Structures are given as structure tokens and as C-alpha cells.
Amino acid sequence: MMAKVSRCWLAMALAATLLGFLANEVCALEIITEEDVEQAIIADVNLVKAADNAIILFDSSRSMARPLKGTSKSRVETVKELLLTRLAWLPDLGYNFGLYLFAPWKEIYPMQPFDREKLVKAIEDLPTEAGGESYLIQALENLEPILEGLSGRTVVFLFSDGQYVRYRHFKRPYMKARELAQKHNVCFYILSTAETKQHEDTLQEIADVNECSRVIPFAHYMMRPAYNSGALFLVEAGSRNSNGCGRSASNRNTAT
């Protein structure tokens, strides 16, 4: 699916820094200016759908009560605020969305067509005080029936610090994630607030289950939103300038 954007492209380009894709950050910074729009330097911008479904797994366990490094706010508060800010700009390209807690498991916004107002309300209703245990393995287990009911590509956004309750009869997180990746067209985008090598390794193991999954340190994501680019849509931009960025109206930004 491709959406063509003209005069309102600026808002969409800002959204691209949330979950979209801009390959060359220098060029992207030159493209994303109001002056370019006013001077008609940008010929057109197309947002190309890169996934069909998005699932947010939100960790509100007690370990998320700790302040995020470099801030005075808890991890759970910071994640919630960031979700609200970024989803306000997300373009509606016909996604299905779902939002789930896993401390313990709770369905907040069951899988359904993307509705910005309803999803923002669901995020506003997320807890601001962390508590309980982190049932990460069970959360991955609970993804199975959800993924079975979906078609197309699914991106799972996992917000976690890598801590979880361990049970002998349950697989380790990466084992279940690997099973899901083998059965379904799914990618894991892991927004990590881990602070120890052990917890970082736990999350990296999940990301290693396939080529499209990755770990993104949450602090980096806050400072550089484009770090988590390409998950839900790509940006195609054509320009009328000659500075080497987007030389043709049909130019497609691709991975570097």
C-alpha cells in the first residue's frame, strides 16, 4: 500500500521518525524542513506500508519502576509518554494494532484495525506505577494464537528490561521467539531498558531469531527516533534540488 502526501507531508515525515524509514539521515534532515515545503523543493512524498500488523508488548513489572538512566521518571512512565507522543504522528496505512501488558498478561487493545483515538485512550489507561512480576515467556506464548489469526507481516514492539520470571517447564524467551519466527512472518523490535549484561543478552537472544528483528537501547531511541526506522512504513521522497538527496520524484530511500 502506498499513500501519496502533498502539502501535509511534513507531519507524515515527522511520523517517519517513529516507525518509518529514512535511509540517509543527512538527507533526511535536509528533507524534513518547513522551508523546503514552502519553496516547493519537495516534489512529493509517498509512505509505503512495510508491515500489516503491529503488536505492542508493554512491561509494567516492578523492575520498570526504577528511574530511566539520565531521567527522574520511572521506566514505565517514560515508555508510556513516548508511546503517546509517537503514535500521535503515526499515519494510518491500514494496519491492525494490538496492545498487551505482561505483568501479568492483560489485553488492553485487542487486535483490530488501527484507530488512533481508541489506541491513544488505551495507552493513557496503561499503568503509570509499575508493580508485579514480568511474565515475558508467557507473553511470547500468548502471542501464538494472536499471530495465527493474522495475515501478512507482523511487527512486535517489545518494551522490556530483560528481567522475567523463570519456570522450569517453560522455554527460555528466545526459544519461544524462535518458534514464532519459524511459524509466522514476524519481526521483533525490542526497546531495551536493560542495565546488566545478563539482561541485555536475554533481549539480544530474542533479536537473533531472524534477520528482521533487532534490539534498540531505549535511550538511543529517545535521542534518535529514526534509529527504530523501517518497521511499519518506508518513505519515498522526490525532490527538485540537486544536492544529491532525492534526485528524482520517484526516488526510493533504501537501506544502507
C-alpha atoms as a PDB file:
ATOM      1  CA  MET A   1       0.000   0.000   0.000  1.00  0.00           C
ATOM      2  CA  MET A   2       1.269   3.461  -0.900  1.00  0.00           C
ATOM      3  CA  ALA A   3      -0.065   6.780   0.295  1.00  0.00           C
ATOM      4  CA  LYS A   4       0.875   9.923  -1.600  1.00  0.00           C
ATOM      5  CA  VAL A   5       1.396  13.034   0.509  1.00  0.00           C
ATOM      6  CA  SER A   6       1.471  16.597  -0.800  1.00  0.00           C
ATOM      7  CA  ARG A   7       1.081  19.690   1.390  1.00  0.00           C
ATOM      8  CA  CYS A   8       0.541  17.724   4.603  1.00  0.00           C
ATOM      9  CA  TRP A   9       3.669  15.625   4.088  1.00  0.00           C
ATOM     10  CA  LEU A  10       5.588  17.320   6.913  1.00  0.00           C
ATOM     11  CA  ALA A  11       3.519  15.682   9.634  1.00  0.00           C
ATOM     12  CA  MET A  12       3.957  12.342   7.959  1.00  0.00           C
ATOM     13  CA  ALA A  13       7.693  12.816   7.669  1.00  0.00           C
ATOM     14  CA  LEU A  14       7.815  13.508  11.367  1.00  0.00           C
ATOM     15  CA  ALA A  15       5.914  10.287  11.875  1.00  0.00           C
ATOM     16  CA  ALA A  16       8.543   8.527   9.839  1.00  0.00           C
ATOM     17  CA  THR A  17      10.981   9.155  12.632  1.00  0.00           C
ATOM     18  CA  LEU A  18       8.809   6.942  14.834  1.00  0.00           C
ATOM     19  CA  LEU A  19       8.320   3.765  12.870  1.00  0.00           C
ATOM     20  CA  GLY A  20       9.151   4.633   9.288  1.00  0.00           C
ATOM     21  CA  PHE A  21      12.357   4.587   7.311  1.00  0.00           C
ATOM     22  CA  LEU A  22      14.763   7.259   6.125  1.00  0.00           C
ATOM     23  CA  ALA A  23      17.958   5.647   4.894  1.00  0.00           C
ATOM     24  CA  ASN A  24      20.317   8.623   4.766  1.00  0.00           C
ATOM     25  CA  GLU A  25      19.931  10.686   7.920  1.00  0.00           C
ATOM     26  CA  VAL A  26      21.796  13.674   6.482  1.00  0.00           C
ATOM     27  CA  CYS A  27      19.471  13.769   3.501  1.00  0.00           C
ATOM     28  CA  ALA A  28      16.505  13.153   5.788  1.00  0.00           C
ATOM     29  CA  LEU A  29      17.364  16.152   7.890  1.00  0.00           C
ATOM     30  CA  GLU A  30      17.594  18.267   4.754  1.00  0.00           C
ATOM     31  CA  ILE A  31      14.252  16.950   3.532  1.00  0.00           C
ATOM     32  CA  ILE A  32      12.371  17.478   6.739  1.00  0.00           C
ATOM     33  CA  THR A  33      12.199  21.249   6.797  1.00  0.00           C
ATOM     34  CA  GLU A  34       9.198  23.507   6.512  1.00  0.00           C
ATOM     35  CA  GLU A  35      11.216  25.795   4.207  1.00  0.00           C
ATOM     36  CA  ASP A  36      11.540  23.004   1.657  1.00  0.00           C
ATOM     37  CA  VAL A  37       7.781  22.631   1.627  1.00  0.00           C
ATOM     38  CA  GLU A  38       7.175  26.366   1.254  1.00  0.00           C
ATOM     39  CA  GLN A  39       9.675  26.628  -1.606  1.00  0.00           C
ATOM     40  CA  ALA A  40       8.198  23.544  -3.274  1.00  0.00           C
ATOM     41  CA  ILE A  41      11.584  21.834  -3.271  1.00  0.00           C
ATOM     42  CA  ILE A  42       9.942  18.534  -2.414  1.00  0.00           C
ATOM     43  CA  ALA A  43       8.004  17.181  -5.366  1.00  0.00           C
ATOM     44  CA  ASP A  44       6.116  14.517  -3.443  1.00  0.00           C
ATOM     45  CA  VAL A  45       6.413  12.112  -0.541  1.00  0.00           C
ATOM     46  CA  ASN A  46       4.998   8.608  -0.562  1.00  0.00           C
ATOM     47  CA  LEU A  47       4.598   6.499   2.555  1.00  0.00           C
ATOM     48  CA  VAL A  48       4.905   2.832   1.663  1.00  0.00           C
ATOM     49  CA  LYS A  49       3.401   0.288   4.007  1.00  0.00           C
ATOM     50  CA  ALA A  50       6.075  -2.148   5.245  1.00  0.00           C
ATOM     51  CA  ALA A  51       4.010  -4.243   7.675  1.00  0.00           C
ATOM     52  CA  ASP A  52       0.398  -5.266   8.065  1.00  0.00           C
ATOM     53  CA  ASN A  53       0.148  -5.715  11.821  1.00  0.00           C
ATOM     54  CA  ALA A  54       1.739  -4.236  14.923  1.00  0.00           C
ATOM     55  CA  ILE A  55       1.679  -5.629  18.445  1.00  0.00           C
ATOM     56  CA  ILE A  56       2.938  -3.676  21.456  1.00  0.00           C
ATOM     57  CA  LEU A  57       4.023  -5.712  24.490  1.00  0.00           C
ATOM     58  CA  PHE A  58       4.251  -3.356  27.472  1.00  0.00           C
ATOM     59  CA  ASP A  59       6.201  -4.343  30.589  1.00  0.00           C
ATOM     60  CA  SER A  60       4.823  -2.730  33.734  1.00  0.00           C
ATOM     61  CA  SER A  61       6.534  -5.054  36.226  1.00  0.00           C
ATOM     62  CA  ARG A  62       8.141  -3.761  39.414  1.00  0.00           C
ATOM     63  CA  SER A  63      11.612  -3.570  37.860  1.00  0.00           C
ATOM     64  CA  MET A  64      10.221  -0.921  35.481  1.00  0.00           C
ATOM     65  CA  ALA A  65       9.645   1.346  38.490  1.00  0.00           C
ATOM     66  CA  ARG A  66      13.325   2.254  38.526  1.00  0.00           C
ATOM     67  CA  PRO A  67      14.192   5.639  37.017  1.00  0.00           C
ATOM     68  CA  LEU A  68      15.368   5.516  33.443  1.00  0.00           C
ATOM     69  CA  LYS A  69      19.042   6.393  33.347  1.00  0.00           C
ATOM     70  CA  GLY A  70      19.509  10.130  32.948  1.00  0.00           C
ATOM     71  CA  THR A  71      15.931  10.973  33.931  1.00  0.00           C
ATOM     72  CA  SER A  72      13.906  11.380  37.108  1.00  0.00           C
ATOM     73  CA  LYS A  73      10.959   9.402  35.726  1.00  0.00           C
ATOM     74  CA  SER A  74      10.379   5.701  36.013  1.00  0.00           C
ATOM     75  CA  ARG A  75      10.894   3.468  33.002  1.00  0.00           C
ATOM     76  CA  VAL A  76       7.204   2.688  32.788  1.00  0.00           C
ATOM     77  CA  GLU A  77       6.254   6.388  32.820  1.00  0.00           C
ATOM     78  CA  THR A  78       8.826   7.231  30.156  1.00  0.00           C
ATOM     79  CA  VAL A  79       7.744   4.417  27.844  1.00  0.00           C
ATOM     80  CA  LYS A  80       4.093   5.376  28.192  1.00  0.00           C
ATOM     81  CA  GLU A  81       4.774   9.046  27.420  1.00  0.00           C
ATOM     82  CA  LEU A  82       6.883   8.156  24.407  1.00  0.00           C
ATOM     83  CA  LEU A  83       4.181   5.879  23.006  1.00  0.00           C
ATOM     84  CA  LEU A  84       1.608   8.649  23.295  1.00  0.00           C
ATOM     85  CA  THR A  85       3.876  11.169  21.604  1.00  0.00           C
ATOM     86  CA  ARG A  86       4.903   8.972  18.697  1.00  0.00           C
ATOM     87  CA  LEU A  87       1.531   7.378  17.995  1.00  0.00           C
ATOM     88  CA  ALA A  88       0.025  10.829  17.663  1.00  0.00           C
ATOM     89  CA  TRP A  89       2.028  11.123  14.407  1.00  0.00           C
ATOM     90  CA  LEU A  90       1.695   7.585  13.060  1.00  0.00           C
ATOM     91  CA  PRO A  91      -0.005   7.611   9.639  1.00  0.00           C
ATOM     92  CA  ASP A  92      -2.932   5.272   9.154  1.00  0.00           C
ATOM     93  CA  LEU A  93      -1.921   2.970   6.314  1.00  0.00           C
ATOM     94  CA  GLY A  94      -4.432   0.268   7.141  1.00  0.00           C
ATOM     95  CA  TYR A  95      -2.659  -1.555   9.972  1.00  0.00           C
ATOM     96  CA  ASN A  96      -4.067  -3.897  12.562  1.00  0.00           C
ATOM     97  CA  PHE A  97      -2.856  -2.988  16.054  1.00  0.00           C
ATOM     98  CA  GLY A  98      -2.815  -4.690  19.432  1.00  0.00           C
ATOM     99  CA  LEU A  99      -1.600  -3.602  22.879  1.00  0.00           C
ATOM    100  CA  TYR A 100      -0.943  -6.019  25.744  1.00  0.00           C
ATOM    101  CA  LEU A 101       0.540  -5.897  29.243  1.00  0.00           C
ATOM    102  CA  PHE A 102       2.586  -8.825  30.516  1.00  0.00           C
ATOM    103  CA  ALA A 103       2.937  -8.124  34.237  1.00  0.00           C
ATOM    104  CA  PRO A 104       0.726 -10.177  34.280  1.00  0.00           C
ATOM    105  CA  TRP A 105      -0.810 -10.648  30.830  1.00  0.00           C
ATOM    106  CA  LYS A 106      -3.709  -8.330  30.104  1.00  0.00           C
ATOM    107  CA  GLU A 107      -5.385  -7.377  26.854  1.00  0.00           C
ATOM    108  CA  ILE A 108      -5.570  -3.583  26.643  1.00  0.00           C
ATOM    109  CA  TYR A 109      -6.334  -3.022  22.960  1.00  0.00           C
ATOM    110  CA  PRO A 110      -7.164  -6.333  21.234  1.00  0.00           C
ATOM    111  CA  MET A 111      -6.017  -6.807  17.661  1.00  0.00           C
ATOM    112  CA  GLN A 112      -8.193  -4.665  15.433  1.00  0.00           C
ATOM    113  CA  PRO A 113      -7.894  -2.067  12.672  1.00  0.00           C
ATOM    114  CA  PHE A 114      -5.824   0.923  13.741  1.00  0.00           C
ATOM    115  CA  ASP A 115      -7.946   3.622  15.358  1.00  0.00           C
ATOM    116  CA  ARG A 116      -5.770   6.459  16.634  1.00  0.00           C
ATOM    117  CA  GLU A 117      -8.274   7.830  19.127  1.00  0.00           C
ATOM    118  CA  LYS A 118      -9.031   4.439  20.661  1.00  0.00           C
ATOM    119  CA  LEU A 119      -5.390   3.402  20.796  1.00  0.00           C
ATOM    120  CA  VAL A 120      -4.298   6.662  22.412  1.00  0.00           C
ATOM    121  CA  LYS A 121      -7.051   6.196  25.005  1.00  0.00           C
ATOM    122  CA  ALA A 122      -5.832   2.646  25.639  1.00  0.00           C
ATOM    123  CA  ILE A 123      -2.266   3.879  26.167  1.00  0.00           C
ATOM    124  CA  GLU A 124      -3.499   6.604  28.504  1.00  0.00           C
ATOM    125  CA  ASP A 125      -5.114   3.854  30.567  1.00  0.00           C
ATOM    126  CA  LEU A 126      -1.825   1.974  30.945  1.00  0.00           C
ATOM    127  CA  PRO A 127      -0.452   1.970  34.490  1.00  0.00           C
ATOM    128  CA  THR A 128       1.942   4.733  35.470  1.00  0.00           C
ATOM    129  CA  GLU A 129       3.067   2.846  38.564  1.00  0.00           C
ATOM    130  CA  ALA A 130       4.994  -0.365  37.993  1.00  0.00           C
ATOM    131  CA  GLY A 131       4.307  -3.494  40.001  1.00  0.00           C
ATOM    132  CA  GLY A 132       4.148  -7.263  39.819  1.00  0.00           C
ATOM    133  CA  GLU A 133       6.338  -9.787  38.060  1.00  0.00           C
ATOM    134  CA  SER A 134       7.464  -9.805  34.433  1.00  0.00           C
ATOM    135  CA  TYR A 135       5.956 -12.791  32.647  1.00  0.00           C
ATOM    136  CA  LEU A 136       7.905 -12.385  29.418  1.00  0.00           C
ATOM    137  CA  ILE A 137       7.875 -16.058  28.479  1.00  0.00           C
ATOM    138  CA  GLN A 138       4.118 -16.310  28.959  1.00  0.00           C
ATOM    139  CA  ALA A 139       3.674 -13.151  26.884  1.00  0.00           C
ATOM    140  CA  LEU A 140       5.508 -14.792  23.994  1.00  0.00           C
ATOM    141  CA  GLU A 141       3.417 -17.928  24.482  1.00  0.00           C
ATOM    142  CA  ASN A 142       0.265 -15.810  24.348  1.00  0.00           C
ATOM    143  CA  LEU A 143       1.356 -14.327  21.032  1.00  0.00           C
ATOM    144  CA  GLU A 144       0.880 -17.685  19.313  1.00  0.00           C
ATOM    145  CA  PRO A 145      -2.926 -17.607  18.937  1.00  0.00           C
ATOM    146  CA  ILE A 146      -2.835 -13.906  18.069  1.00  0.00           C
ATOM    147  CA  LEU A 147      -0.330 -14.430  15.259  1.00  0.00           C
ATOM    148  CA  GLU A 148      -2.291 -17.410  13.967  1.00  0.00           C
ATOM    149  CA  GLY A 149      -5.237 -15.113  13.305  1.00  0.00           C
ATOM    150  CA  LEU A 150      -3.208 -12.571  11.324  1.00  0.00           C
ATOM    151  CA  SER A 151      -2.047 -12.408   7.736  1.00  0.00           C
ATOM    152  CA  GLY A 152       0.906 -10.551   6.268  1.00  0.00           C
ATOM    153  CA  ARG A 153       3.902  -9.203   8.147  1.00  0.00           C
ATOM    154  CA  THR A 154       3.668  -8.539  11.879  1.00  0.00           C
ATOM    155  CA  VAL A 155       5.989  -6.338  13.935  1.00  0.00           C
ATOM    156  CA  VAL A 156       6.101  -6.974  17.686  1.00  0.00           C
ATOM    157  CA  PHE A 157       7.327  -3.973  19.668  1.00  0.00           C
ATOM    158  CA  LEU A 158       8.616  -5.361  22.943  1.00  0.00           C
ATOM    159  CA  PHE A 159       9.357  -2.854  25.714  1.00  0.00           C
ATOM    160  CA  SER A 160      11.422  -4.695  28.319  1.00  0.00           C
ATOM    161  CA  ASP A 161      14.403  -4.512  30.652  1.00  0.00           C
ATOM    162  CA  GLY A 162      15.199  -8.177  30.079  1.00  0.00           C
ATOM    163  CA  GLN A 163      14.059  -9.333  33.510  1.00  0.00           C
ATOM    164  CA  TYR A 164      11.454 -12.078  33.759  1.00  0.00           C
ATOM    165  CA  VAL A 165      10.099 -14.853  35.972  1.00  0.00           C
ATOM    166  CA  ARG A 166      11.739 -18.190  35.205  1.00  0.00           C
ATOM    167  CA  TYR A 167       9.918 -21.509  35.361  1.00  0.00           C
ATOM    168  CA  ARG A 168      11.448 -24.903  34.714  1.00  0.00           C
ATOM    169  CA  HIS A 169       8.654 -26.113  32.458  1.00  0.00           C
ATOM    170  CA  PHE A 170       8.752 -23.006  30.266  1.00  0.00           C
ATOM    171  CA  LYS A 171      11.171 -22.409  27.428  1.00  0.00           C
ATOM    172  CA  ARG A 172      13.589 -19.530  27.592  1.00  0.00           C
ATOM    173  CA  PRO A 173      12.300 -16.381  25.854  1.00  0.00           C
ATOM    174  CA  TYR A 174      14.443 -16.744  22.745  1.00  0.00           C
ATOM    175  CA  MET A 175      13.298 -20.360  22.257  1.00  0.00           C
ATOM    176  CA  LYS A 176       9.653 -19.343  22.055  1.00  0.00           C
ATOM    177  CA  ALA A 177      10.500 -16.315  19.925  1.00  0.00           C
ATOM    178  CA  ARG A 178      12.375 -18.585  17.521  1.00  0.00           C
ATOM    179  CA  GLU A 179       9.369 -20.894  17.261  1.00  0.00           C
ATOM    180  CA  LEU A 180       7.137 -17.923  16.469  1.00  0.00           C
ATOM    181  CA  ALA A 181       9.560 -16.637  13.844  1.00  0.00           C
ATOM    182  CA  GLN A 182       9.687 -20.057  12.178  1.00  0.00           C
ATOM    183  CA  LYS A 183       5.898 -20.346  12.012  1.00  0.00           C
ATOM    184  CA  HIS A 184       4.908 -16.762  11.274  1.00  0.00           C
ATOM    185  CA  ASN A 185       6.035 -13.718   9.328  1.00  0.00           C
ATOM    186  CA  VAL A 186       7.027 -11.781  12.447  1.00  0.00           C
ATOM    187  CA  CYS A 187       9.818  -9.384  13.430  1.00  0.00           C
ATOM    188  CA  PHE A 188      10.694  -8.349  16.979  1.00  0.00           C
ATOM    189  CA  TYR A 189      11.662  -4.733  17.635  1.00  0.00           C
ATOM    190  CA  ILE A 190      12.917  -4.756  21.220  1.00  0.00           C
ATOM    191  CA  LEU A 191      13.085  -1.400  23.009  1.00  0.00           C
ATOM    192  CA  SER A 192      15.542  -2.218  25.758  1.00  0.00           C
ATOM    193  CA  THR A 193      15.896  -0.597  29.167  1.00  0.00           C
ATOM    194  CA  ALA A 194      18.253  -3.381  30.309  1.00  0.00           C
ATOM    195  CA  GLU A 195      21.125  -2.316  32.540  1.00  0.00           C
ATOM    196  CA  THR A 196      23.075  -5.540  33.061  1.00  0.00           C
ATOM    197  CA  LYS A 197      24.927  -7.778  30.623  1.00  0.00           C
ATOM    198  CA  GLN A 198      22.715 -10.712  31.560  1.00  0.00           C
ATOM    199  CA  HIS A 199      19.515  -8.841  30.785  1.00  0.00           C
ATOM    200  CA  GLU A 200      20.959  -7.359  27.604  1.00  0.00           C
ATOM    201  CA  ASP A 201      21.875 -10.866  26.468  1.00  0.00           C
ATOM    202  CA  THR A 202      18.334 -12.083  27.152  1.00  0.00           C
ATOM    203  CA  LEU A 203      16.912  -9.480  24.795  1.00  0.00           C
ATOM    204  CA  GLN A 204      19.647  -9.916  22.192  1.00  0.00           C
ATOM    205  CA  GLU A 205      18.899 -13.639  22.035  1.00  0.00           C
ATOM    206  CA  ILE A 206      15.325 -12.805  21.057  1.00  0.00           C
ATOM    207  CA  ALA A 207      16.513 -10.410  18.366  1.00  0.00           C
ATOM    208  CA  ASP A 208      18.840 -13.056  16.961  1.00  0.00           C
ATOM    209  CA  VAL A 209      15.984 -15.381  15.968  1.00  0.00           C
ATOM    210  CA  ASN A 210      15.777 -13.846  12.488  1.00  0.00           C
ATOM    211  CA  GLU A 211      17.248 -11.146  10.281  1.00  0.00           C
ATOM    212  CA  CYS A 212      14.471  -8.582  10.679  1.00  0.00           C
ATOM    213  CA  SER A 213      14.496  -8.458  14.483  1.00  0.00           C
ATOM    214  CA  ARG A 214      16.675  -6.089  16.487  1.00  0.00           C
ATOM    215  CA  VAL A 215      17.404  -4.617  19.912  1.00  0.00           C
ATOM    216  CA  ILE A 216      17.257  -0.849  20.260  1.00  0.00           C
ATOM    217  CA  PRO A 217      18.516   0.722  23.504  1.00  0.00           C
ATOM    218  CA  PHE A 218      15.651   2.843  24.728  1.00  0.00           C
ATOM    219  CA  ALA A 219      17.911   5.817  25.459  1.00  0.00           C
ATOM    220  CA  HIS A 220      19.093   5.795  21.839  1.00  0.00           C
ATOM    221  CA  TYR A 221      15.511   5.595  20.651  1.00  0.00           C
ATOM    222  CA  MET A 222      14.626   8.689  22.664  1.00  0.00           C
ATOM    223  CA  MET A 223      17.569  10.664  21.284  1.00  0.00           C
ATOM    224  CA  ARG A 224      17.383   9.355  17.713  1.00  0.00           C
ATOM    225  CA  PRO A 225      13.865   8.200  16.804  1.00  0.00           C
ATOM    226  CA  ALA A 226      14.980   7.208  13.296  1.00  0.00           C
ATOM    227  CA  TYR A 227      17.134   4.512  14.938  1.00  0.00           C
ATOM    228  CA  ASN A 228      13.955   2.400  15.007  1.00  0.00           C
ATOM    229  CA  SER A 229      13.083   3.093  11.388  1.00  0.00           C
ATOM    230  CA  GLY A 230      11.599   0.889   8.736  1.00  0.00           C
ATOM    231  CA  ALA A 231       9.309  -1.174  10.911  1.00  0.00           C
ATOM    232  CA  LEU A 232       5.884  -0.103   9.695  1.00  0.00           C
ATOM    233  CA  PHE A 233       6.459   2.069   6.647  1.00  0.00           C
ATOM    234  CA  LEU A 234       9.056   3.353   4.224  1.00  0.00           C
ATOM    235  CA  VAL A 235       9.372   6.897   2.948  1.00  0.00           C
ATOM    236  CA  GLU A 236       9.747   7.650  -0.735  1.00  0.00           C
ATOM    237  CA  ALA A 237      10.591  11.274  -1.475  1.00  0.00           C
ATOM    238  CA  GLY A 238      11.221  13.079  -4.734  1.00  0.00           C
ATOM    239  CA  SER A 239      12.883  16.487  -4.859  1.00  0.00           C
ATOM    240  CA  ARG A 240      13.632  19.223  -7.346  1.00  0.00           C
ATOM    241  CA  ASN A 241      17.017  20.105  -5.871  1.00  0.00           C
ATOM    242  CA  SER A 242      20.434  18.937  -6.990  1.00  0.00           C
ATOM    243  CA  ASN A 243      22.228  18.367  -3.714  1.00  0.00           C
ATOM    244  CA  GLY A 244      22.288  14.620  -4.062  1.00  0.00           C
ATOM    245  CA  CYS A 245      19.286  13.898  -1.843  1.00  0.00           C
ATOM    246  CA  GLY A 246      16.250  12.506  -3.604  1.00  0.00           C
ATOM    247  CA  ARG A 247      17.255  13.491  -7.103  1.00  0.00           C
ATOM    248  CA  SER A 248      14.122  12.200  -8.810  1.00  0.00           C
ATOM    249  CA  ALA A 249      10.467  12.319  -7.933  1.00  0.00           C
ATOM    250  CA  SER A 250      10.360   8.540  -7.800  1.00  0.00           C
ATOM    251  CA  ASN A 251      13.494   8.117  -5.720  1.00  0.00           C
ATOM    252  CA  ARG A 252      13.182   5.406  -3.095  1.00  0.00           C
ATOM    253  CA  ASN A 253      15.196   5.567   0.093  1.00  0.00           C
ATOM    254  CA  THR A 254      16.672   2.124   0.690  1.00  0.00           C
ATOM    255  CA  ALA A 255      18.796   0.553   3.389  1.00  0.00           C
ATOM    256  CA  THR A 256      22.431   1.475   3.653  1.00  0.00           C
END
